[in-house]
C-alpha atoms as a PDB file:
ATOM      1  CA  MET A   1     -25.254  22.189 -26.713  1.00  0.00           C
ATOM      2  CA  SER A   2     -25.458  25.191 -28.929  1.00  0.00           C
ATOM      3  CA  GLU A   3     -26.987  28.354 -28.384  1.00  0.00           C
ATOM      4  CA  PRO A   4     -30.639  28.364 -28.445  1.00  0.00           C
ATOM      5  CA  ALA A   5     -32.022  30.331 -31.337  1.00  0.00           C
ATOM      6  CA  TYR A   6     -35.423  32.184 -30.813  1.00  0.00           C
ATOM      7  CA  TYR A   7     -38.069  33.541 -33.259  1.00  0.00           C
ATOM      8  CA  MET A   8     -41.005  35.328 -33.030  1.00  0.00           C
ATOM      9  CA  PRO A   9     -43.476  34.760 -35.691  1.00  0.00           C
ATOM     10  CA  PRO A  10     -45.843  38.456 -37.303  1.00  0.00           C
ATOM     11  CA  GLU A  11     -49.443  38.160 -36.023  1.00  0.00           C
ATOM     12  CA  TRP A  12     -50.972  37.089 -39.239  1.00  0.00           C
ATOM     13  CA  ALA A  13     -48.826  33.438 -39.190  1.00  0.00           C
ATOM     14  CA  PHE A  14     -50.925  30.462 -38.525  1.00  0.00           C
ATOM     15  CA  HIS A  15     -52.677  30.159 -35.015  1.00  0.00           C
ATOM     16  CA  LYS A  16     -53.061  27.610 -32.705  1.00  0.00           C
ATOM     17  CA  ALA A  17     -55.456  30.062 -30.674  1.00  0.00           C
ATOM     18  CA  THR A  18     -56.055  33.282 -29.200  1.00  0.00           C
ATOM     19  CA  TRP A  19     -56.120  33.733 -25.518  1.00  0.00           C
ATOM     20  CA  LEU A  20     -58.332  36.184 -23.398  1.00  0.00           C
ATOM     21  CA  SER A  21     -58.529  36.805 -20.105  1.00  0.00           C
ATOM     22  CA  TRP A  22     -62.074  37.830 -18.428  1.00  0.00           C
ATOM     23  CA  PRO A  23     -62.976  41.176 -17.376  1.00  0.00           C
ATOM     24  CA  HIS A  24     -63.582  41.428 -14.085  1.00  0.00           C
ATOM     25  CA  ARG A  25     -61.728  44.674 -12.417  1.00  0.00           C
ATOM     26  CA  LEU A  26     -64.687  47.128 -11.628  1.00  0.00           C
ATOM     27  CA  GLU A  27     -61.972  50.119 -11.981  1.00  0.00           C
ATOM     28  CA  THR A  28     -61.009  49.612 -15.131  1.00  0.00           C
ATOM     29  CA  TRP A  29     -64.704  50.569 -16.631  1.00  0.00           C
ATOM     30  CA  PRO A  30     -65.728  52.921 -13.818  1.00  0.00           C
ATOM     31  CA  GLY A  31     -69.460  53.133 -13.967  1.00  0.00           C
ATOM     32  CA  LYS A  32     -69.469  50.792 -17.076  1.00  0.00           C
ATOM     33  CA  ILE A  33     -68.558  46.986 -16.628  1.00  0.00           C
ATOM     34  CA  GLY A  34     -72.486  46.473 -17.658  1.00  0.00           C
ATOM     35  CA  PRO A  35     -71.599  46.025 -21.554  1.00  0.00           C
ATOM     36  CA  ILE A  36     -68.265  44.615 -21.529  1.00  0.00           C
ATOM     37  CA  PRO A  37     -69.161  41.168 -21.040  1.00  0.00           C
ATOM     38  CA  ALA A  38     -71.016  41.093 -23.941  1.00  0.00           C
ATOM     39  CA  VAL A  39     -67.984  42.921 -25.886  1.00  0.00           C
ATOM     40  CA  PHE A  40     -66.036  40.247 -25.229  1.00  0.00           C
ATOM     41  CA  VAL A  41     -68.444  37.453 -25.781  1.00  0.00           C
ATOM     42  CA  GLU A  42     -68.690  39.111 -29.461  1.00  0.00           C
ATOM     43  CA  ILE A  43     -65.073  39.318 -29.969  1.00  0.00           C
ATOM     44  CA  ALA A  44     -64.688  35.414 -28.785  1.00  0.00           C
ATOM     45  CA  ALA A  45     -67.511  34.273 -31.209  1.00  0.00           C
ATOM     46  CA  TRP A  46     -66.041  35.638 -34.153  1.00  0.00           C
ATOM     47  CA  LEU A  47     -62.045  34.972 -32.726  1.00  0.00           C
ATOM     48  CA  SER A  48     -63.841  30.763 -32.685  1.00  0.00           C
ATOM     49  CA  SER A  49     -64.907  30.923 -36.081  1.00  0.00           C
ATOM     50  CA  SER A  50     -61.483  31.184 -37.034  1.00  0.00           C
ATOM     51  CA  GLU A  51     -59.095  29.205 -34.270  1.00  0.00           C
ATOM     52  CA  GLU A  52     -59.852  28.634 -30.736  1.00  0.00           C
ATOM     53  CA  VAL A  53     -60.207  30.678 -28.090  1.00  0.00           C
ATOM     54  CA  HIS A  54     -59.068  30.095 -24.591  1.00  0.00           C
ATOM     55  CA  ILE A  55     -60.157  32.057 -21.555  1.00  0.00           C
ATOM     56  CA  ASN A  56     -58.534  32.876 -18.243  1.00  0.00           C
ATOM     57  CA  VAL A  57     -61.044  32.787 -15.227  1.00  0.00           C
ATOM     58  CA  LEU A  58     -60.919  33.594 -11.689  1.00  0.00           C
ATOM     59  CA  ASN A  59     -62.748  30.679 -10.460  1.00  0.00           C
ATOM     60  CA  GLU A  60     -65.368  28.116 -10.927  1.00  0.00           C
ATOM     61  CA  ALA A  61     -67.991  30.495 -10.598  1.00  0.00           C
ATOM     62  CA  MET A  62     -66.658  32.665 -13.278  1.00  0.00           C
ATOM     63  CA  GLU A  63     -66.637  29.627 -15.211  1.00  0.00           C
ATOM     64  CA  LEU A  64     -69.876  28.306 -14.758  1.00  0.00           C
ATOM     65  CA  GLU A  65     -71.112  32.358 -15.728  1.00  0.00           C
ATOM     66  CA  VAL A  66     -68.529  32.790 -18.932  1.00  0.00           C
ATOM     67  CA  PHE A  67     -70.043  29.564 -19.889  1.00  0.00           C
ATOM     68  CA  ALA A  68     -73.819  30.378 -19.528  1.00  0.00           C
ATOM     69  CA  ARG A  69     -72.545  33.863 -21.650  1.00  0.00           C
ATOM     70  CA  PHE A  70     -71.952  31.814 -24.473  1.00  0.00           C
ATOM     71  CA  GLN A  71     -74.300  29.073 -24.299  1.00  0.00           C
ATOM     72  CA  ASN A  72     -77.239  32.383 -24.330  1.00  0.00           C
ATOM     73  CA  SER A  73     -75.137  34.383 -27.006  1.00  0.00           C
ATOM     74  CA  PRO A  74     -76.978  35.224 -29.883  1.00  0.00           C
ATOM     75  CA  HIS A  75     -73.700  35.354 -32.355  1.00  0.00           C
ATOM     76  CA  ASN A  76     -74.294  32.429 -34.946  1.00  0.00           C
ATOM     77  CA  HIS A  77     -70.687  32.103 -36.177  1.00  0.00           C
ATOM     78  CA  LEU A  78     -70.180  31.097 -32.301  1.00  0.00           C
ATOM     79  CA  ARG A  79     -68.352  27.271 -32.375  1.00  0.00           C
ATOM     80  CA  MET A  80     -68.718  26.311 -28.773  1.00  0.00           C
ATOM     81  CA  GLU A  81     -66.270  23.503 -29.073  1.00  0.00           C
ATOM     82  CA  ARG A  82     -63.504  26.026 -29.665  1.00  0.00           C
ATOM     83  CA  ILE A  83     -63.718  27.873 -26.174  1.00  0.00           C
ATOM     84  CA  PHE A  84     -61.815  26.825 -23.479  1.00  0.00           C
ATOM     85  CA  LEU A  85     -62.263  28.235 -20.195  1.00  0.00           C
ATOM     86  CA  HIS A  86     -59.057  28.287 -17.501  1.00  0.00           C
ATOM     87  CA  ARG A  87     -59.108  29.064 -14.020  1.00  0.00           C
ATOM     88  CA  ILE A  88     -56.488  30.852 -14.196  1.00  0.00           C
ATOM     89  CA  PRO A  89     -56.824  33.884 -11.865  1.00  0.00           C
ATOM     90  CA  THR A  90     -55.838  37.380 -13.042  1.00  0.00           C
ATOM     91  CA  ASN A  91     -55.896  40.879 -11.933  1.00  0.00           C
ATOM     92  CA  ASP A  92     -56.968  42.626 -14.926  1.00  0.00           C
ATOM     93  CA  ALA A  93     -58.317  41.816 -18.703  1.00  0.00           C
ATOM     94  CA  TRP A  94     -55.458  42.823 -20.680  1.00  0.00           C
ATOM     95  CA  CYS A  95     -54.045  39.615 -21.871  1.00  0.00           C
ATOM     96  CA  ARG A  96     -51.666  41.626 -24.710  1.00  0.00           C
ATOM     97  CA  ASP A  97     -49.542  42.609 -22.139  1.00  0.00           C
ATOM     98  CA  HIS A  98     -49.633  39.864 -19.131  1.00  0.00           C
ATOM     99  CA  GLY A  99     -50.655  37.237 -21.472  1.00  0.00           C
ATOM    100  CA  PRO A 100     -48.177  34.544 -22.742  1.00  0.00           C
ATOM    101  CA  ASN A 101     -45.673  35.627 -25.101  1.00  0.00           C
ATOM    102  CA  TYR A 102     -44.819  32.095 -27.491  1.00  0.00           C
ATOM    103  CA  VAL A 103     -41.768  32.218 -29.678  1.00  0.00           C
ATOM    104  CA  PHE A 104     -40.546  28.897 -31.598  1.00  0.00           C
ATOM    105  CA  ARG A 105     -36.649  27.883 -30.049  1.00  0.00           C
ATOM    106  CA  GLN A 106     -34.177  26.090 -32.304  1.00  0.00           C
ATOM    107  CA  ARG A 107     -31.738  23.965 -31.077  1.00  0.00           C
ATOM    108  CA  ASP A 108     -29.499  21.322 -32.407  1.00  0.00           C
ATOM    109  CA  GLY A 109     -31.707  20.711 -34.674  1.00  0.00           C
ATOM    110  CA  LEU A 110     -35.270  20.954 -32.954  1.00  0.00           C
ATOM    111  CA  ARG A 111     -37.721  23.477 -33.071  1.00  0.00           C
ATOM    112  CA  GLU A 112     -40.552  23.839 -30.164  1.00  0.00           C
ATOM    113  CA  LYS A 113     -42.631  26.286 -29.007  1.00  0.00           C
ATOM    114  CA  VAL A 114     -41.665  28.258 -25.622  1.00  0.00           C
ATOM    115  CA  ILE A 115     -42.940  31.293 -23.705  1.00  0.00           C
ATOM    116  CA  MET A 116     -40.998  34.083 -23.086  1.00  0.00           C
ATOM    117  CA  ASN A 117     -42.147  35.139 -18.849  1.00  0.00           C
ATOM    118  CA  TRP A 118     -41.267  39.073 -19.413  1.00  0.00           C
ATOM    119  CA  GLN A 119     -42.080  40.661 -16.444  1.00  0.00           C
ATOM    120  CA  TYR A 120     -44.870  42.629 -16.168  1.00  0.00           C
ATOM    121  CA  ASN A 121     -45.471  45.718 -13.681  1.00  0.00           C
ATOM    122  CA  ALA A 122     -48.897  47.236 -14.844  1.00  0.00           C
ATOM    123  CA  TRP A 123     -47.299  49.600 -17.146  1.00  0.00           C
ATOM    124  CA  GLY A 124     -44.623  51.479 -14.786  1.00  0.00           C
ATOM    125  CA  GLU A 125     -46.635  50.552 -11.566  1.00  0.00           C
ATOM    126  CA  LYS A 126     -49.758  52.829 -12.463  1.00  0.00           C
ATOM    127  CA  TYR A 127     -51.880  50.181 -10.705  1.00  0.00           C
ATOM    128  CA  LYS A 128     -50.842  48.734  -7.321  1.00  0.00           C
ATOM    129  CA  THR A 129     -52.306  44.798  -7.744  1.00  0.00           C
ATOM    130  CA  TYR A 130     -50.179  42.919 -10.976  1.00  0.00           C
ATOM    131  CA  HIS A 131     -49.122  40.591  -9.112  1.00  0.00           C
ATOM    132  CA  GLU A 132     -51.967  38.025 -10.702  1.00  0.00           C
ATOM    133  CA  ASP A 133     -51.214  39.187 -14.298  1.00  0.00           C
ATOM    134  CA  ASN A 134     -47.698  38.750 -13.464  1.00  0.00           C
ATOM    135  CA  ALA A 135     -47.946  35.321 -12.682  1.00  0.00           C
ATOM    136  CA  VAL A 136     -50.209  34.119 -15.953  1.00  0.00           C
ATOM    137  CA  PRO A 137     -47.659  32.961 -18.359  1.00  0.00           C
ATOM    138  CA  GLU A 138     -46.089  31.417 -16.128  1.00  0.00           C
ATOM    139  CA  LYS A 139     -49.580  29.059 -14.965  1.00  0.00           C
ATOM    140  CA  ILE A 140     -50.160  28.669 -18.686  1.00  0.00           C
ATOM    141  CA  ALA A 141     -46.670  27.467 -19.500  1.00  0.00           C
ATOM    142  CA  ALA A 142     -47.676  24.244 -16.837  1.00  0.00           C
ATOM    143  CA  LEU A 143     -50.882  23.906 -18.114  1.00  0.00           C
ATOM    144  CA  GLN A 144     -49.606  23.287 -21.709  1.00  0.00           C
ATOM    145  CA  HIS A 145     -46.309  21.807 -20.014  1.00  0.00           C
ATOM    146  CA  LEU A 146     -44.321  24.544 -22.527  1.00  0.00           C
ATOM    147  CA  PRO A 147     -40.396  25.676 -21.584  1.00  0.00           C
ATOM    148  CA  LEU A 148     -40.770  28.843 -20.248  1.00  0.00           C
ATOM    149  CA  VAL A 149     -37.747  31.458 -20.325  1.00  0.00           C
ATOM    150  CA  ALA A 150     -37.307  34.464 -18.562  1.00  0.00           C
ATOM    151  CA  PRO A 151     -35.224  36.861 -20.468  1.00  0.00           C
ATOM    152  CA  GLY A 152     -35.275  39.024 -16.757  1.00  0.00           C
ATOM    153  CA  MET A 153     -36.907  42.366 -18.385  1.00  0.00           C
ATOM    154  CA  VAL A 154     -39.838  43.670 -18.705  1.00  0.00           C
ATOM    155  CA  LEU A 155     -41.845  44.095 -21.476  1.00  0.00           C
ATOM    156  CA  GLU A 156     -45.821  44.212 -22.420  1.00  0.00           C
ATOM    157  CA  GLY A 157     -47.280  42.833 -25.718  1.00  0.00           C
ATOM    158  CA  GLY A 158     -48.932  46.135 -26.580  1.00  0.00           C
ATOM    159  CA  SER A 159     -45.208  47.660 -26.913  1.00  0.00           C
ATOM    160  CA  ILE A 160     -43.742  45.898 -29.997  1.00  0.00           C
ATOM    161  CA  ASP A 161     -44.766  44.376 -33.279  1.00  0.00           C
ATOM    162  CA  VAL A 162     -42.749  42.196 -35.708  1.00  0.00           C
ATOM    163  CA  ASN A 163     -42.813  41.560 -38.888  1.00  0.00           C
ATOM    164  CA  GLY A 164     -41.293  38.121 -39.266  1.00  0.00           C
ATOM    165  CA  LYS A 165     -38.628  39.162 -40.725  1.00  0.00           C
ATOM    166  CA  GLY A 166     -36.086  40.207 -38.711  1.00  0.00           C
ATOM    167  CA  LEU A 167     -37.899  43.881 -37.450  1.00  0.00           C
ATOM    168  CA  LEU A 168     -39.448  45.024 -34.362  1.00  0.00           C
ATOM    169  CA  LEU A 169     -41.475  47.826 -34.595  1.00  0.00           C
ATOM    170  CA  THR A 170     -41.547  50.061 -31.004  1.00  0.00           C
ATOM    171  CA  SER A 171     -41.314  53.417 -28.953  1.00  0.00           C
ATOM    172  CA  GLU A 172     -38.769  55.460 -27.540  1.00  0.00           C
ATOM    173  CA  ALA A 173     -41.840  56.870 -25.249  1.00  0.00           C
ATOM    174  CA  CYS A 174     -42.610  53.239 -23.443  1.00  0.00           C
ATOM    175  CA  LEU A 175     -39.733  51.019 -23.670  1.00  0.00           C
ATOM    176  CA  LEU A 176     -37.366  53.554 -22.868  1.00  0.00           C
ATOM    177  CA  ASN A 177     -39.148  54.816 -19.807  1.00  0.00           C
ATOM    178  CA  PRO A 178     -37.469  54.777 -16.488  1.00  0.00           C
ATOM    179  CA  ASN A 179     -40.206  53.006 -14.965  1.00  0.00           C
ATOM    180  CA  ARG A 180     -39.995  49.940 -16.691  1.00  0.00           C
ATOM    181  CA  ASN A 181     -35.983  48.900 -16.885  1.00  0.00           C
ATOM    182  CA  PRO A 182     -34.213  51.863 -15.386  1.00  0.00           C
ATOM    183  CA  SER A 183     -31.046  50.135 -15.372  1.00  0.00           C
ATOM    184  CA  MET A 184     -31.103  49.323 -19.115  1.00  0.00           C
ATOM    185  CA  ASN A 185     -30.364  51.733 -21.611  1.00  0.00           C
ATOM    186  CA  ARG A 186     -31.804  51.499 -25.105  1.00  0.00           C
ATOM    187  CA  GLU A 187     -28.825  49.378 -26.541  1.00  0.00           C
ATOM    188  CA  GLN A 188     -29.256  46.864 -23.804  1.00  0.00           C
ATOM    189  CA  ILE A 189     -32.895  46.727 -24.538  1.00  0.00           C
ATOM    190  CA  GLU A 190     -31.996  46.363 -28.173  1.00  0.00           C
ATOM    191  CA  GLU A 191     -30.010  43.409 -27.185  1.00  0.00           C
ATOM    192  CA  LYS A 192     -32.824  41.446 -25.088  1.00  0.00           C
ATOM    193  CA  LEU A 193     -35.095  41.926 -27.937  1.00  0.00           C
ATOM    194  CA  ARG A 194     -32.683  40.871 -30.527  1.00  0.00           C
ATOM    195  CA  ARG A 195     -31.535  37.974 -28.426  1.00  0.00           C
ATOM    196  CA  TYR A 196     -35.107  36.373 -27.059  1.00  0.00           C
ATOM    197  CA  LEU A 197     -37.217  37.468 -30.305  1.00  0.00           C
ATOM    198  CA  GLY A 198     -35.522  36.416 -33.020  1.00  0.00           C
ATOM    199  CA  ILE A 199     -34.887  40.011 -34.416  1.00  0.00           C
ATOM    200  CA  SER A 200     -32.474  41.843 -36.151  1.00  0.00           C
ATOM    201  CA  LYS A 201     -33.039  45.790 -36.087  1.00  0.00           C
ATOM    202  CA  VAL A 202     -35.199  47.981 -33.654  1.00  0.00           C
ATOM    203  CA  LEU A 203     -37.766  50.703 -35.692  1.00  0.00           C
ATOM    204  CA  TRP A 204     -38.109  53.625 -32.971  1.00  0.00           C
ATOM    205  CA  LEU A 205     -41.499  55.542 -33.092  1.00  0.00           C
ATOM    206  CA  GLY A 206     -41.774  58.265 -30.415  1.00  0.00           C
ATOM    207  CA  ASP A 207     -44.643  59.520 -28.201  1.00  0.00           C
ATOM    208  CA  GLY A 208     -47.778  57.569 -27.995  1.00  0.00           C
ATOM    209  CA  ILE A 209     -51.689  58.883 -28.723  1.00  0.00           C
ATOM    210  CA  VAL A 210     -53.547  60.756 -26.146  1.00  0.00           C
ATOM    211  CA  GLY A 211     -55.214  59.169 -23.041  1.00  0.00           C
ATOM    212  CA  ASP A 212     -52.782  56.042 -23.318  1.00  0.00           C
ATOM    213  CA  ASP A 213     -51.983  55.197 -19.880  1.00  0.00           C
ATOM    214  CA  THR A 214     -49.020  52.644 -21.194  1.00  0.00           C
ATOM    215  CA  ASP A 215     -46.929  55.596 -21.735  1.00  0.00           C
ATOM    216  CA  GLY A 216     -47.166  55.125 -25.930  1.00  0.00           C
ATOM    217  CA  HIS A 217     -48.142  51.376 -27.054  1.00  0.00           C
ATOM    218  CA  VAL A 218     -46.780  51.069 -30.441  1.00  0.00           C
ATOM    219  CA  ASP A 219     -50.173  49.268 -31.367  1.00  0.00           C
ATOM    220  CA  ASP A 220     -51.967  52.026 -30.890  1.00  0.00           C
ATOM    221  CA  MET A 221     -50.005  53.803 -33.662  1.00  0.00           C
ATOM    222  CA  ALA A 222     -48.482  51.494 -36.068  1.00  0.00           C
ATOM    223  CA  ARG A 223     -48.768  47.771 -36.955  1.00  0.00           C
ATOM    224  CA  PHE A 224     -47.503  45.619 -39.803  1.00  0.00           C
ATOM    225  CA  VAL A 225     -49.913  44.131 -42.050  1.00  0.00           C
ATOM    226  CA  SER A 226     -46.792  42.367 -43.648  1.00  0.00           C
ATOM    227  CA  GLU A 227     -43.337  41.725 -44.314  1.00  0.00           C
ATOM    228  CA  SER A 228     -42.635  45.283 -46.275  1.00  0.00           C
ATOM    229  CA  THR A 229     -45.662  47.239 -44.977  1.00  0.00           C
ATOM    230  CA  VAL A 230     -46.541  49.220 -42.023  1.00  0.00           C
ATOM    231  CA  VAL A 231     -50.072  50.966 -41.371  1.00  0.00           C
ATOM    232  CA  ILE A 232     -49.925  54.373 -39.646  1.00  0.00           C
ATOM    233  CA  ALA A 233     -52.658  56.164 -37.502  1.00  0.00           C
ATOM    234  CA  VAL A 234     -52.198  59.898 -38.611  1.00  0.00           C
ATOM    235  CA  GLU A 235     -54.562  62.439 -37.792  1.00  0.00           C
ATOM    236  CA  ASP A 236     -55.244  65.069 -40.132  1.00  0.00           C
ATOM    237  CA  ASN A 237     -56.642  68.010 -37.624  1.00  0.00           C
ATOM    238  CA  PRO A 238     -53.995  70.256 -36.973  1.00  0.00           C
ATOM    239  CA  LEU A 239     -56.336  71.613 -33.907  1.00  0.00           C
ATOM    240  CA  ASP A 240     -56.303  68.079 -32.279  1.00  0.00           C
ATOM    241  CA  GLU A 241     -53.332  67.264 -29.600  1.00  0.00           C
ATOM    242  CA  ASN A 242     -52.604  63.558 -31.479  1.00  0.00           C
ATOM    243  CA  TYR A 243     -51.521  65.725 -34.684  1.00  0.00           C
ATOM    244  CA  ALA A 244     -47.761  66.109 -33.981  1.00  0.00           C
ATOM    245  CA  PRO A 245     -46.708  62.960 -32.113  1.00  0.00           C
ATOM    246  CA  LEU A 246     -48.490  61.241 -35.265  1.00  0.00           C
ATOM    247  CA  HIS A 247     -47.155  63.206 -37.979  1.00  0.00           C
ATOM    248  CA  GLU A 248     -43.583  62.289 -36.213  1.00  0.00           C
ATOM    249  CA  ASN A 249     -44.130  58.879 -35.917  1.00  0.00           C
ATOM    250  CA  TYR A 250     -45.033  58.675 -39.767  1.00  0.00           C
ATOM    251  CA  GLU A 251     -41.925  60.850 -40.987  1.00  0.00           C
ATOM    252  CA  ARG A 252     -39.824  58.086 -38.772  1.00  0.00           C
ATOM    253  CA  LEU A 253     -41.580  55.171 -40.328  1.00  0.00           C
ATOM    254  CA  LYS A 254     -40.683  56.897 -44.233  1.00  0.00           C
ATOM    255  CA  ARG A 255     -37.287  56.752 -42.679  1.00  0.00           C
ATOM    256  CA  CYS A 256     -37.386  53.518 -42.082  1.00  0.00           C
ATOM    257  CA  THR A 257     -36.060  50.258 -44.165  1.00  0.00           C
ATOM    258  CA  ASP A 258     -35.957  46.631 -43.963  1.00  0.00           C
ATOM    259  CA  LEU A 259     -32.654  44.538 -43.413  1.00  0.00           C
ATOM    260  CA  ASN A 260     -31.747  44.806 -47.393  1.00  0.00           C
ATOM    261  CA  GLY A 261     -31.804  48.456 -46.747  1.00  0.00           C
ATOM    262  CA  ASN A 262     -34.986  49.064 -48.835  1.00  0.00           C
ATOM    263  CA  PRO A 263     -37.408  51.458 -47.717  1.00  0.00           C
ATOM    264  CA  LEU A 264     -40.998  50.429 -46.496  1.00  0.00           C
ATOM    265  CA  LYS A 265     -44.297  50.437 -47.727  1.00  0.00           C
ATOM    266  CA  VAL A 266     -46.050  53.196 -45.206  1.00  0.00           C
ATOM    267  CA  VAL A 267     -49.922  53.474 -45.514  1.00  0.00           C
ATOM    268  CA  THR A 268     -52.018  55.692 -43.339  1.00  0.00           C
ATOM    269  CA  LEU A 269     -55.112  54.997 -40.812  1.00  0.00           C
ATOM    270  CA  PRO A 270     -57.230  57.418 -40.248  1.00  0.00           C
ATOM    271  CA  MET A 271     -58.062  58.477 -36.410  1.00  0.00           C
ATOM    272  CA  PRO A 272     -61.842  58.319 -35.428  1.00  0.00           C
ATOM    273  CA  VAL A 273     -63.330  61.275 -33.828  1.00  0.00           C
ATOM    274  CA  ALA A 274     -62.282  61.865 -30.794  1.00  0.00           C
ATOM    275  CA  VAL A 275     -63.962  59.517 -27.902  1.00  0.00           C
ATOM    276  CA  PHE A 276     -64.127  61.343 -24.712  1.00  0.00           C
ATOM    277  CA  HIS A 277     -65.829  59.527 -21.305  1.00  0.00           C
ATOM    278  CA  ASP A 278     -66.456  61.701 -18.146  1.00  0.00           C
ATOM    279  CA  GLY A 279     -64.185  64.114 -19.457  1.00  0.00           C
ATOM    280  CA  CYS A 280     -61.399  61.983 -20.367  1.00  0.00           C
ATOM    281  CA  ARG A 281     -60.039  61.990 -23.894  1.00  0.00           C
ATOM    282  CA  LEU A 282     -59.812  57.909 -24.354  1.00  0.00           C
ATOM    283  CA  PRO A 283     -57.122  55.990 -26.614  1.00  0.00           C
ATOM    284  CA  ALA A 284     -59.481  55.245 -29.537  1.00  0.00           C
ATOM    285  CA  SER A 285     -57.438  53.933 -32.799  1.00  0.00           C
ATOM    286  CA  TYR A 286     -57.992  51.686 -35.389  1.00  0.00           C
ATOM    287  CA  ALA A 287     -54.685  50.261 -35.620  1.00  0.00           C
ATOM    288  CA  ASN A 288     -55.408  48.422 -31.866  1.00  0.00           C
ATOM    289  CA  PHE A 289     -56.752  45.459 -34.909  1.00  0.00           C
ATOM    290  CA  TYR A 290     -56.114  41.961 -34.498  1.00  0.00           C
ATOM    291  CA  ILE A 291     -55.233  39.337 -37.184  1.00  0.00           C
ATOM    292  CA  ALA A 292     -56.592  35.750 -36.665  1.00  0.00           C
ATOM    293  CA  ASN A 293     -56.714  33.414 -39.016  1.00  0.00           C
ATOM    294  CA  THR A 294     -59.744  33.848 -40.993  1.00  0.00           C
ATOM    295  CA  VAL A 295     -60.588  37.278 -39.543  1.00  0.00           C
ATOM    296  CA  VAL A 296     -59.248  40.509 -38.386  1.00  0.00           C
ATOM    297  CA  LEU A 297     -61.307  42.330 -35.881  1.00  0.00           C
ATOM    298  CA  VAL A 298     -61.172  46.254 -35.790  1.00  0.00           C
ATOM    299  CA  PRO A 299     -62.351  48.468 -33.131  1.00  0.00           C
ATOM    300  CA  THR A 300     -65.175  50.857 -34.267  1.00  0.00           C
ATOM    301  CA  TYR A 301     -66.287  54.533 -32.799  1.00  0.00           C
ATOM    302  CA  ARG A 302     -69.557  55.387 -34.233  1.00  0.00           C
ATOM    303  CA  CYS A 303     -68.567  57.643 -36.933  1.00  0.00           C
ATOM    304  CA  SER A 304     -67.812  57.917 -40.369  1.00  0.00           C
ATOM    305  CA  GLN A 305     -64.076  57.013 -40.721  1.00  0.00           C
ATOM    306  CA  ASP A 306     -65.022  53.189 -39.324  1.00  0.00           C
ATOM    307  CA  GLN A 307     -66.081  52.270 -42.374  1.00  0.00           C
ATOM    308  CA  LYS A 308     -62.753  53.989 -44.072  1.00  0.00           C
ATOM    309  CA  ALA A 309     -60.263  52.389 -41.693  1.00  0.00           C
ATOM    310  CA  ILE A 310     -62.134  48.714 -42.126  1.00  0.00           C
ATOM    311  CA  ASP A 311     -61.480  49.217 -46.155  1.00  0.00           C
ATOM    312  CA  ILE A 312     -57.948  50.066 -46.401  1.00  0.00           C
ATOM    313  CA  LEU A 313     -57.014  47.148 -43.864  1.00  0.00           C
ATOM    314  CA  GLN A 314     -59.188  44.913 -46.050  1.00  0.00           C
ATOM    315  CA  GLU A 315     -57.069  45.555 -48.920  1.00  0.00           C
ATOM    316  CA  PHE A 316     -54.359  43.581 -47.038  1.00  0.00           C
ATOM    317  CA  PHE A 317     -55.832  40.991 -45.553  1.00  0.00           C
ATOM    318  CA  PRO A 318     -57.724  39.859 -48.751  1.00  0.00           C
ATOM    319  CA  GLU A 319     -58.112  36.019 -47.399  1.00  0.00           C
ATOM    320  CA  ARG A 320     -59.411  37.050 -43.830  1.00  0.00           C
ATOM    321  CA  ARG A 321     -62.691  39.035 -43.634  1.00  0.00           C
ATOM    322  CA  VAL A 322     -62.249  42.180 -42.108  1.00  0.00           C
ATOM    323  CA  VAL A 323     -65.175  42.977 -39.376  1.00  0.00           C
ATOM    324  CA  GLY A 324     -65.561  45.984 -37.230  1.00  0.00           C
ATOM    325  CA  VAL A 325     -66.682  45.881 -33.368  1.00  0.00           C
ATOM    326  CA  ASP A 326     -68.107  48.661 -31.369  1.00  0.00           C
ATOM    327  CA  CYS A 327     -65.177  49.923 -28.710  1.00  0.00           C
ATOM    328  CA  ILE A 328     -67.173  52.618 -27.313  1.00  0.00           C
ATOM    329  CA  ASP A 329     -67.686  51.012 -24.024  1.00  0.00           C
ATOM    330  CA  LEU A 330     -64.094  48.752 -24.144  1.00  0.00           C
ATOM    331  CA  VAL A 331     -61.969  51.177 -24.954  1.00  0.00           C
ATOM    332  CA  TRP A 332     -63.242  53.419 -21.620  1.00  0.00           C
ATOM    333  CA  GLY A 333     -61.337  51.300 -19.833  1.00  0.00           C
ATOM    334  CA  LEU A 334     -58.574  52.496 -22.213  1.00  0.00           C
ATOM    335  CA  GLY A 335     -57.663  49.900 -24.489  1.00  0.00           C
ATOM    336  CA  ALA A 336     -59.077  47.999 -27.549  1.00  0.00           C
ATOM    337  CA  ILE A 337     -59.340  44.353 -29.169  1.00  0.00           C
ATOM    338  CA  HIS A 338     -55.593  44.031 -29.324  1.00  0.00           C
ATOM    339  CA  CYS A 339     -55.045  44.956 -26.210  1.00  0.00           C
ATOM    340  CA  ILE A 340     -57.544  41.930 -25.016  1.00  0.00           C
ATOM    341  CA  THR A 341     -56.170  39.451 -26.916  1.00  0.00           C
ATOM    342  CA  HIS A 342     -53.066  37.104 -27.719  1.00  0.00           C
ATOM    343  CA  GLU A 343     -52.254  35.143 -30.318  1.00  0.00           C
ATOM    344  CA  GLU A 344     -50.629  31.544 -29.917  1.00  0.00           C
ATOM    345  CA  PRO A 345     -48.666  30.283 -33.237  1.00  0.00           C
ATOM    346  CA  GLU A 346     -49.141  26.915 -34.687  1.00  0.00           C
ATOM    347  CA  LEU A 347     -45.617  25.602 -34.079  1.00  0.00           C
END
């Protein structure tokens, strides 16, 4: 039997579904969890207009509660027949990081969908309880009768982005942090990514944005929007804490090339006006958008840059509707739309 070849599709490849994990941890949104379920309903409603939506819930009681919320939803684009609830318990709601990383495996002329069972340790043991989250990929693989592959490395979905043509975007601040894989160096990490995601070249950014407790997830900074184009958040105010790290990342990206040595097209996204809650700077960024089959959902923060970010992204997705979703409440949990979603590609 030949060695299998793995391939991770880019986010804009056709989806079978999007996965979410229903929010329930009070400590994630201290004193402010009240409006969060309504934000999830709005996001899921938009997604259901595009594809199936699969949601992990804790138990029967939560299943009934969530079903009732959708039944009473005010969103006329909601497609209830595309909403599926699964009793798969979680510790938290960040499905991008604990959810199933679907890839395609080619072996002996056969192509199949598999789930990569990367290890999850709550962003370097920042939170004590994460064992239910770490078990999610295994449970979904059993539910869907899909093969499960364990690369033997800690990796969160928000820390990487791929273009489907051999490039992977990530950050040194996250993947090289000793709280993830202390026994692995840069070369060993790159080798795991090459082998299990089917990429050929890693593009390394530096530090992440202020307020991000993930140690610099790339989905708050820069994202592929096509095989050759990357959008990157850039702060224009030299007095802002994000100015220096984001400009350094911008300069790095401008020096990056594809597998043929051609420079990437690098397009800047604005940063929103700084968002604070209880004196904490929150990781608000327009780069935390999510690409579904017919819509692109963009977090908005009630400032003038919202529409500019939507307009920029609309240029790159002319066949999709780019929609802004108010994330002022959601980002108090230190994440936005991309952080709570995980795509399942169609085989």
